[in-house]
Amino acid sequence: MTLSTVIGLAAGAFTTVAFIPQVIKTYRSQSSEDLSLGMFGLMVTGVVFWLAYGLMTRDVPIILANVVTLSLQLAVLAMMINHRRKRPGM
């Protein structure tokens, strides 16, 4: 394994793990009111493009990091949509 692969895996791990506290907080509090739906939508779109790029270049660290990140982001996005549907008056 090359140094660049190790650095790529570490970068992917840190940036991916950064979403876990948000997933946990949103799930536990059953609230996502302070989160921007627009920002999450753009982030998901960006991660999809990063994943496509990783697949096209066969870059394992980019693929792994973005598959996990996309899964976490989609979980938060789904909770955000679900919470907004449940709000009275919506």
PDB file of N, CA and C in Angstrom:
ATOM      1  N   MET A   1       0.846  -1.171   0.000  1.00  0.00           N
ATOM      2  CA  MET A   1       0.000   0.000   0.000  1.00  0.00           C
ATOM      3  C   MET A   1       0.896   1.240   0.000  1.00  0.00           C
ATOM      4  N   THR A   2       0.603   2.147  -0.897  1.00  0.00           N
ATOM      5  CA  THR A   2       1.429   3.342  -1.027  1.00  0.00           C
ATOM      6  C   THR A   2       1.059   4.366   0.048  1.00  0.00           C
ATOM      7  N   LEU A   3       1.961   5.309   0.274  1.00  0.00           N
ATOM      8  CA  LEU A   3       1.716   6.381   1.238  1.00  0.00           C
ATOM      9  C   LEU A   3       0.498   7.202   0.823  1.00  0.00           C
ATOM     10  N   SER A   4       0.352   7.456  -0.471  1.00  0.00           N
ATOM     11  CA  SER A   4      -0.800   8.249  -0.921  1.00  0.00           C
ATOM     12  C   SER A   4      -2.117   7.510  -0.648  1.00  0.00           C
ATOM     13  N   THR A   5      -2.119   6.188  -0.759  1.00  0.00           N
ATOM     14  CA  THR A   5      -3.318   5.411  -0.451  1.00  0.00           C
ATOM     15  C   THR A   5      -3.628   5.488   1.036  1.00  0.00           C
ATOM     16  N   VAL A   6      -2.614   5.372   1.870  1.00  0.00           N
ATOM     17  CA  VAL A   6      -2.803   5.461   3.325  1.00  0.00           C
ATOM     18  C   VAL A   6      -3.354   6.839   3.700  1.00  0.00           C
ATOM     19  N   ILE A   7      -2.781   7.882   3.125  1.00  0.00           N
ATOM     20  CA  ILE A   7      -3.257   9.242   3.398  1.00  0.00           C
ATOM     21  C   ILE A   7      -4.694   9.413   2.901  1.00  0.00           C
ATOM     22  N   GLY A   8      -4.992   8.885   1.739  1.00  0.00           N
ATOM     23  CA  GLY A   8      -6.352   8.957   1.204  1.00  0.00           C
ATOM     24  C   GLY A   8      -7.348   8.218   2.088  1.00  0.00           C
ATOM     25  N   LEU A   9      -6.964   7.040   2.576  1.00  0.00           N
ATOM     26  CA  LEU A   9      -7.844   6.289   3.472  1.00  0.00           C
ATOM     27  C   LEU A   9      -8.053   7.027   4.794  1.00  0.00           C
ATOM     28  N   ALA A  10      -6.991   7.626   5.318  1.00  0.00           N
ATOM     29  CA  ALA A  10      -7.104   8.388   6.571  1.00  0.00           C
ATOM     30  C   ALA A  10      -8.006   9.602   6.372  1.00  0.00           C
ATOM     31  N   ALA A  11      -7.807  10.334   5.284  1.00  0.00           N
ATOM     32  CA  ALA A  11      -8.638  11.507   5.001  1.00  0.00           C
ATOM     33  C   ALA A  11     -10.101  11.103   4.864  1.00  0.00           C
ATOM     34  N   GLY A  12     -10.348  10.043   4.141  1.00  0.00           N
ATOM     35  CA  GLY A  12     -11.708   9.546   3.967  1.00  0.00           C
ATOM     36  C   GLY A  12     -12.327   9.107   5.283  1.00  0.00           C
ATOM     37  N   ALA A  13     -11.547   8.448   6.119  1.00  0.00           N
ATOM     38  CA  ALA A  13     -12.049   7.987   7.414  1.00  0.00           C
ATOM     39  C   ALA A  13     -12.446   9.172   8.294  1.00  0.00           C
ATOM     40  N   PHE A  14     -11.586  10.174   8.382  1.00  0.00           N
ATOM     41  CA  PHE A  14     -11.887  11.331   9.224  1.00  0.00           C
ATOM     42  C   PHE A  14     -13.097  12.114   8.721  1.00  0.00           C
ATOM     43  N   THR A  15     -13.161  12.363   7.432  1.00  0.00           N
ATOM     44  CA  THR A  15     -14.281  13.151   6.915  1.00  0.00           C
ATOM     45  C   THR A  15     -15.592  12.364   6.971  1.00  0.00           C
ATOM     46  N   THR A  16     -15.509  11.060   6.850  1.00  0.00           N
ATOM     47  CA  THR A  16     -16.705  10.228   6.937  1.00  0.00           C
ATOM     48  C   THR A  16     -17.193  10.124   8.376  1.00  0.00           C
ATOM     49  N   VAL A  17     -16.279   9.865   9.287  1.00  0.00           N
ATOM     50  CA  VAL A  17     -16.629   9.738  10.704  1.00  0.00           C
ATOM     51  C   VAL A  17     -17.206  11.044  11.244  1.00  0.00           C
ATOM     52  N   ALA A  18     -16.857  12.160  10.636  1.00  0.00           N
ATOM     53  CA  ALA A  18     -17.367  13.460  11.079  1.00  0.00           C
ATOM     54  C   ALA A  18     -18.891  13.537  10.982  1.00  0.00           C
ATOM     55  N   PHE A  19     -19.519  12.744  10.130  1.00  0.00           N
ATOM     56  CA  PHE A  19     -20.977  12.772   9.993  1.00  0.00           C
ATOM     57  C   PHE A  19     -21.690  11.923  11.036  1.00  0.00           C
ATOM     58  N   ILE A  20     -21.002  11.005  11.685  1.00  0.00           N
ATOM     59  CA  ILE A  20     -21.644  10.093  12.633  1.00  0.00           C
ATOM     60  C   ILE A  20     -22.303  10.834  13.795  1.00  0.00           C
ATOM     61  N   PRO A  21     -21.641  11.823  14.430  1.00  0.00           N
ATOM     62  CA  PRO A  21     -22.327  12.535  15.510  1.00  0.00           C
ATOM     63  C   PRO A  21     -23.632  13.202  15.057  1.00  0.00           C
ATOM     64  N   GLN A  22     -23.675  13.708  13.838  1.00  0.00           N
ATOM     65  CA  GLN A  22     -24.906  14.342  13.342  1.00  0.00           C
ATOM     66  C   GLN A  22     -26.010  13.316  13.160  1.00  0.00           C
ATOM     67  N   VAL A  23     -25.660  12.148  12.647  1.00  0.00           N
ATOM     68  CA  VAL A  23     -26.656  11.087  12.473  1.00  0.00           C
ATOM     69  C   VAL A  23     -27.227  10.694  13.833  1.00  0.00           C
ATOM     70  N   ILE A  24     -26.343  10.492  14.806  1.00  0.00           N
ATOM     71  CA  ILE A  24     -26.777  10.090  16.148  1.00  0.00           C
ATOM     72  C   ILE A  24     -27.641  11.175  16.791  1.00  0.00           C
ATOM     73  N   LYS A  25     -27.197  12.427  16.720  1.00  0.00           N
ATOM     74  CA  LYS A  25     -27.945  13.535  17.332  1.00  0.00           C
ATOM     75  C   LYS A  25     -29.324  13.679  16.699  1.00  0.00           C
ATOM     76  N   THR A  26     -29.375  13.620  15.381  1.00  0.00           N
ATOM     77  CA  THR A  26     -30.652  13.773  14.681  1.00  0.00           C
ATOM     78  C   THR A  26     -31.594  12.623  15.025  1.00  0.00           C
ATOM     79  N   TYR A  27     -31.061  11.416  15.112  1.00  0.00           N
ATOM     80  CA  TYR A  27     -31.878  10.249  15.443  1.00  0.00           C
ATOM     81  C   TYR A  27     -32.394  10.337  16.878  1.00  0.00           C
ATOM     82  N   ARG A  28     -31.510  10.636  17.814  1.00  0.00           N
ATOM     83  CA  ARG A  28     -31.894  10.686  19.228  1.00  0.00           C
ATOM     84  C   ARG A  28     -32.871  11.823  19.528  1.00  0.00           C
ATOM     85  N   SER A  29     -32.616  12.985  18.967  1.00  0.00           N
ATOM     86  CA  SER A  29     -33.457  14.148  19.274  1.00  0.00           C
ATOM     87  C   SER A  29     -34.753  14.148  18.465  1.00  0.00           C
ATOM     88  N   GLN A  30     -34.798  13.342  17.411  1.00  0.00           N
ATOM     89  CA  GLN A  30     -35.936  13.329  16.488  1.00  0.00           C
ATOM     90  C   GLN A  30     -36.229  14.735  15.966  1.00  0.00           C
ATOM     91  N   SER A  31     -35.157  15.532  15.840  1.00  0.00           N
ATOM     92  CA  SER A  31     -35.302  16.895  15.346  1.00  0.00           C
ATOM     93  C   SER A  31     -34.150  17.214  14.402  1.00  0.00           C
ATOM     94  N   SER A  32     -34.492  17.874  13.331  1.00  0.00           N
ATOM     95  CA  SER A  32     -33.471  18.315  12.376  1.00  0.00           C
ATOM     96  C   SER A  32     -33.733  19.753  11.970  1.00  0.00           C
ATOM     97  N   GLU A  33     -34.467  20.449  12.828  1.00  0.00           N
ATOM     98  CA  GLU A  33     -34.920  21.795  12.505  1.00  0.00           C
ATOM     99  C   GLU A  33     -33.775  22.767  12.224  1.00  0.00           C
ATOM    100  N   ASP A  34     -32.655  22.600  12.906  1.00  0.00           N
ATOM    101  CA  ASP A  34     -31.531  23.522  12.728  1.00  0.00           C
ATOM    102  C   ASP A  34     -30.647  23.182  11.532  1.00  0.00           C
ATOM    103  N   LEU A  35     -30.966  22.113  10.839  1.00  0.00           N
ATOM    104  CA  LEU A  35     -30.163  21.705   9.691  1.00  0.00           C
ATOM    105  C   LEU A  35     -30.778  22.244   8.407  1.00  0.00           C
ATOM    106  N   SER A  36     -29.935  22.632   7.491  1.00  0.00           N
ATOM    107  CA  SER A  36     -30.384  23.168   6.219  1.00  0.00           C
ATOM    108  C   SER A  36     -30.610  22.040   5.215  1.00  0.00           C
ATOM    109  N   LEU A  37     -31.841  21.897   4.766  1.00  0.00           N
ATOM    110  CA  LEU A  37     -32.164  20.894   3.757  1.00  0.00           C
ATOM    111  C   LEU A  37     -31.407  21.176   2.456  1.00  0.00           C
ATOM    112  N   GLY A  38     -31.286  22.453   2.106  1.00  0.00           N
ATOM    113  CA  GLY A  38     -30.552  22.832   0.902  1.00  0.00           C
ATOM    114  C   GLY A  38     -29.087  22.429   0.975  1.00  0.00           C
ATOM    115  N   MET A  39     -28.447  22.671   2.132  1.00  0.00           N
ATOM    116  CA  MET A  39     -27.039  22.308   2.302  1.00  0.00           C
ATOM    117  C   MET A  39     -26.865  20.797   2.195  1.00  0.00           C
ATOM    118  N   PHE A  40     -27.748  20.051   2.854  1.00  0.00           N
ATOM    119  CA  PHE A  40     -27.605  18.595   2.782  1.00  0.00           C
ATOM    120  C   PHE A  40     -27.849  18.084   1.369  1.00  0.00           C
ATOM    121  N   GLY A  41     -28.805  18.668   0.675  1.00  0.00           N
ATOM    122  CA  GLY A  41     -29.043  18.261  -0.710  1.00  0.00           C
ATOM    123  C   GLY A  41     -27.826  18.504  -1.590  1.00  0.00           C
ATOM    124  N   LEU A  42     -27.195  19.654  -1.411  1.00  0.00           N
ATOM    125  CA  LEU A  42     -25.978  19.960  -2.180  1.00  0.00           C
ATOM    126  C   LEU A  42     -24.825  19.034  -1.784  1.00  0.00           C
ATOM    127  N   MET A  43     -24.706  18.747  -0.476  1.00  0.00           N
ATOM    128  CA  MET A  43     -23.645  17.848  -0.021  1.00  0.00           C
ATOM    129  C   MET A  43     -23.816  16.451  -0.611  1.00  0.00           C
ATOM    130  N   VAL A  44     -25.044  15.956  -0.599  1.00  0.00           N
ATOM    131  CA  VAL A  44     -25.319  14.638  -1.173  1.00  0.00           C
ATOM    132  C   VAL A  44     -24.949  14.625  -2.658  1.00  0.00           C
ATOM    133  N   THR A  45     -25.314  15.670  -3.363  1.00  0.00           N
ATOM    134  CA  THR A  45     -24.975  15.770  -4.784  1.00  0.00           C
ATOM    135  C   THR A  45     -23.461  15.757  -4.982  1.00  0.00           C
ATOM    136  N   GLY A  46     -22.743  16.520  -4.168  1.00  0.00           N
ATOM    137  CA  GLY A  46     -21.285  16.546  -4.259  1.00  0.00           C
ATOM    138  C   GLY A  46     -20.671  15.191  -3.986  1.00  0.00           C
ATOM    139  N   VAL A  47     -21.188  14.488  -2.984  1.00  0.00           N
ATOM    140  CA  VAL A  47     -20.653  13.164  -2.657  1.00  0.00           C
ATOM    141  C   VAL A  47     -20.937  12.174  -3.788  1.00  0.00           C
ATOM    142  N   VAL A  48     -22.095  12.292  -4.418  1.00  0.00           N
ATOM    143  CA  VAL A  48     -22.401  11.424  -5.564  1.00  0.00           C
ATOM    144  C   VAL A  48     -21.384  11.659  -6.681  1.00  0.00           C
ATOM    145  N   PHE A  49     -21.047  12.924  -6.928  1.00  0.00           N
ATOM    146  CA  PHE A  49     -20.030  13.215  -7.950  1.00  0.00           C
ATOM    147  C   PHE A  49     -18.656  12.688  -7.539  1.00  0.00           C
ATOM    148  N   TRP A  50     -18.291  12.829  -6.247  1.00  0.00           N
ATOM    149  CA  TRP A  50     -17.010  12.287  -5.782  1.00  0.00           C
ATOM    150  C   TRP A  50     -16.988  10.762  -5.939  1.00  0.00           C
ATOM    151  N   LEU A  51     -18.097  10.116  -5.638  1.00  0.00           N
ATOM    152  CA  LEU A  51     -18.178   8.669  -5.795  1.00  0.00           C
ATOM    153  C   LEU A  51     -18.031   8.279  -7.262  1.00  0.00           C
ATOM    154  N   ALA A  52     -18.706   9.001  -8.143  1.00  0.00           N
ATOM    155  CA  ALA A  52     -18.576   8.728  -9.577  1.00  0.00           C
ATOM    156  C   ALA A  52     -17.131   8.901 -10.031  1.00  0.00           C
ATOM    157  N   TYR A  53     -16.495   9.971  -9.556  1.00  0.00           N
ATOM    158  CA  TYR A  53     -15.091  10.215  -9.891  1.00  0.00           C
ATOM    159  C   TYR A  53     -14.218   9.065  -9.380  1.00  0.00           C
ATOM    160  N   GLY A  54     -14.440   8.656  -8.148  1.00  0.00           N
ATOM    161  CA  GLY A  54     -13.664   7.546  -7.588  1.00  0.00           C
ATOM    162  C   GLY A  54     -13.846   6.267  -8.381  1.00  0.00           C
ATOM    163  N   LEU A  55     -15.077   5.994  -8.792  1.00  0.00           N
ATOM    164  CA  LEU A  55     -15.330   4.796  -9.599  1.00  0.00           C
ATOM    165  C   LEU A  55     -14.662   4.895 -10.962  1.00  0.00           C
ATOM    166  N   MET A  56     -14.721   6.071 -11.569  1.00  0.00           N
ATOM    167  CA  MET A  56     -14.118   6.250 -12.890  1.00  0.00           C
ATOM    168  C   MET A  56     -12.587   6.145 -12.843  1.00  0.00           C
ATOM    169  N   THR A  57     -11.996   6.596 -11.753  1.00  0.00           N
ATOM    170  CA  THR A  57     -10.535   6.538 -11.626  1.00  0.00           C
ATOM    171  C   THR A  57     -10.063   5.307 -10.858  1.00  0.00           C
ATOM    172  N   ARG A  58     -11.025   4.527 -10.372  1.00  0.00           N
ATOM    173  CA  ARG A  58     -10.733   3.318  -9.590  1.00  0.00           C
ATOM    174  C   ARG A  58      -9.881   3.625  -8.359  1.00  0.00           C
ATOM    175  N   ASP A  59     -10.227   4.735  -7.720  1.00  0.00           N
ATOM    176  CA  ASP A  59      -9.503   5.186  -6.535  1.00  0.00           C
ATOM    177  C   ASP A  59     -10.225   4.657  -5.294  1.00  0.00           C
ATOM    178  N   VAL A  60      -9.663   3.598  -4.705  1.00  0.00           N
ATOM    179  CA  VAL A  60     -10.314   2.899  -3.596  1.00  0.00           C
ATOM    180  C   VAL A  60     -10.607   3.814  -2.409  1.00  0.00           C
ATOM    181  N   PRO A  61      -9.666   4.660  -1.943  1.00  0.00           N
ATOM    182  CA  PRO A  61      -9.998   5.522  -0.807  1.00  0.00           C
ATOM    183  C   PRO A  61     -11.180   6.448  -1.087  1.00  0.00           C
ATOM    184  N   ILE A  62     -11.251   6.998  -2.285  1.00  0.00           N
ATOM    185  CA  ILE A  62     -12.363   7.889  -2.630  1.00  0.00           C
ATOM    186  C   ILE A  62     -13.665   7.104  -2.702  1.00  0.00           C
ATOM    187  N   ILE A  63     -13.627   5.924  -3.261  1.00  0.00           N
ATOM    188  CA  ILE A  63     -14.837   5.104  -3.365  1.00  0.00           C
ATOM    189  C   ILE A  63     -15.344   4.727  -1.974  1.00  0.00           C
ATOM    190  N   LEU A  64     -14.465   4.180  -1.132  1.00  0.00           N
ATOM    191  CA  LEU A  64     -14.885   3.745   0.197  1.00  0.00           C
ATOM    192  C   LEU A  64     -15.422   4.898   1.031  1.00  0.00           C
ATOM    193  N   ALA A  65     -14.692   5.986   1.060  1.00  0.00           N
ATOM    194  CA  ALA A  65     -15.108   7.133   1.878  1.00  0.00           C
ATOM    195  C   ALA A  65     -16.457   7.670   1.422  1.00  0.00           C
ATOM    196  N   ASN A  66     -16.660   7.745   0.130  1.00  0.00           N
ATOM    197  CA  ASN A  66     -17.887   8.354  -0.369  1.00  0.00           C
ATOM    198  C   ASN A  66     -19.090   7.423  -0.320  1.00  0.00           C
ATOM    199  N   VAL A  67     -18.874   6.122  -0.381  1.00  0.00           N
ATOM    200  CA  VAL A  67     -19.986   5.187  -0.192  1.00  0.00           C
ATOM    201  C   VAL A  67     -20.505   5.301   1.243  1.00  0.00           C
ATOM    202  N   VAL A  68     -19.591   5.319   2.211  1.00  0.00           N
ATOM    203  CA  VAL A  68     -20.005   5.415   3.615  1.00  0.00           C
ATOM    204  C   VAL A  68     -20.592   6.799   3.894  1.00  0.00           C
ATOM    205  N   THR A  69     -19.934   7.854   3.412  1.00  0.00           N
ATOM    206  CA  THR A  69     -20.429   9.213   3.635  1.00  0.00           C
ATOM    207  C   THR A  69     -21.814   9.388   3.027  1.00  0.00           C
ATOM    208  N   LEU A  70     -22.010   8.892   1.820  1.00  0.00           N
ATOM    209  CA  LEU A  70     -23.316   9.001   1.167  1.00  0.00           C
ATOM    210  C   LEU A  70     -24.386   8.284   1.982  1.00  0.00           C
ATOM    211  N   SER A  71     -24.062   7.122   2.513  1.00  0.00           N
ATOM    212  CA  SER A  71     -25.021   6.385   3.340  1.00  0.00           C
ATOM    213  C   SER A  71     -25.418   7.189   4.571  1.00  0.00           C
ATOM    214  N   LEU A  72     -24.437   7.777   5.251  1.00  0.00           N
ATOM    215  CA  LEU A  72     -24.715   8.586   6.436  1.00  0.00           C
ATOM    216  C   LEU A  72     -25.516   9.831   6.075  1.00  0.00           C
ATOM    217  N   GLN A  73     -25.142  10.482   5.000  1.00  0.00           N
ATOM    218  CA  GLN A  73     -25.854  11.690   4.578  1.00  0.00           C
ATOM    219  C   GLN A  73     -27.284  11.379   4.176  1.00  0.00           C
ATOM    220  N   LEU A  74     -27.493  10.278   3.491  1.00  0.00           N
ATOM    221  CA  LEU A  74     -28.849   9.908   3.094  1.00  0.00           C
ATOM    222  C   LEU A  74     -29.700   9.587   4.319  1.00  0.00           C
ATOM    223  N   ALA A  75     -29.082   9.004   5.355  1.00  0.00           N
ATOM    224  CA  ALA A  75     -29.814   8.732   6.593  1.00  0.00           C
ATOM    225  C   ALA A  75     -30.275  10.045   7.227  1.00  0.00           C
ATOM    226  N   VAL A  76     -29.383  11.021   7.319  1.00  0.00           N
ATOM    227  CA  VAL A  76     -29.747  12.319   7.892  1.00  0.00           C
ATOM    228  C   VAL A  76     -30.785  13.011   7.008  1.00  0.00           C
ATOM    229  N   LEU A  77     -30.589  12.975   5.708  1.00  0.00           N
ATOM    230  CA  LEU A  77     -31.532  13.604   4.786  1.00  0.00           C
ATOM    231  C   LEU A  77     -32.922  12.989   4.920  1.00  0.00           C
ATOM    232  N   ALA A  78     -32.996  11.674   5.037  1.00  0.00           N
ATOM    233  CA  ALA A  78     -34.281  10.996   5.208  1.00  0.00           C
ATOM    234  C   ALA A  78     -34.939  11.418   6.520  1.00  0.00           C
ATOM    235  N   MET A  79     -34.147  11.522   7.602  1.00  0.00           N
ATOM    236  CA  MET A  79     -34.699  11.977   8.879  1.00  0.00           C
ATOM    237  C   MET A  79     -35.186  13.423   8.779  1.00  0.00           C
ATOM    238  N   MET A  80     -34.422  14.268   8.070  1.00  0.00           N
ATOM    239  CA  MET A  80     -34.829  15.664   7.908  1.00  0.00           C
ATOM    240  C   MET A  80     -36.177  15.755   7.195  1.00  0.00           C
ATOM    241  N   ILE A  81     -36.332  15.021   6.127  1.00  0.00           N
ATOM    242  CA  ILE A  81     -37.582  15.042   5.360  1.00  0.00           C
ATOM    243  C   ILE A  81     -38.723  14.492   6.210  1.00  0.00           C
ATOM    244  N   ASN A  82     -38.465  13.394   6.906  1.00  0.00           N
ATOM    245  CA  ASN A  82     -39.478  12.782   7.753  1.00  0.00           C
ATOM    246  C   ASN A  82     -39.906  13.725   8.878  1.00  0.00           C
ATOM    247  N   HIS A  83     -38.944  14.385   9.514  1.00  0.00           N
ATOM    248  CA  HIS A  83     -39.268  15.321  10.607  1.00  0.00           C
ATOM    249  C   HIS A  83     -40.087  16.492  10.088  1.00  0.00           C
ATOM    250  N   ARG A  84     -39.732  16.993   8.923  1.00  0.00           N
ATOM    251  CA  ARG A  84     -40.469  18.140   8.383  1.00  0.00           C
ATOM    252  C   ARG A  84     -41.893  17.771   7.995  1.00  0.00           C
ATOM    253  N   ARG A  85     -42.100  16.542   7.564  1.00  0.00           N
ATOM    254  CA  ARG A  85     -43.455  16.082   7.222  1.00  0.00           C
ATOM    255  C   ARG A  85     -44.323  15.961   8.459  1.00  0.00           C
ATOM    256  N   LYS A  86     -43.717  15.631   9.584  1.00  0.00           N
ATOM    257  CA  LYS A  86     -44.463  15.426  10.829  1.00  0.00           C
ATOM    258  C   LYS A  86     -44.811  16.716  11.546  1.00  0.00           C
ATOM    259  N   ARG A  87     -44.160  17.813  11.183  1.00  0.00           N
ATOM    260  CA  ARG A  87     -44.427  19.099  11.862  1.00  0.00           C
ATOM    261  C   ARG A  87     -45.852  19.544  11.592  1.00  0.00           C
ATOM    262  N   PRO A  88     -46.522  20.039  12.628  1.00  0.00           N
ATOM    263  CA  PRO A  88     -47.881  20.557  12.412  1.00  0.00           C
ATOM    264  C   PRO A  88     -47.869  21.725  11.431  1.00  0.00           C
ATOM    265  N   GLY A  89     -48.885  21.771  10.607  1.00  0.00           N
ATOM    266  CA  GLY A  89     -49.007  22.878   9.650  1.00  0.00           C
ATOM    267  C   GLY A  89     -48.200  22.661   8.387  1.00  0.00           C
ATOM    268  N   MET A  90     -47.528  21.543   8.253  1.00  0.00           N
ATOM    269  CA  MET A  90     -46.718  21.281   7.060  1.00  0.00           C
ATOM    270  C   MET A  90     -47.499  20.482   6.068  1.00  0.00           C
TER     271      MET A  90
END
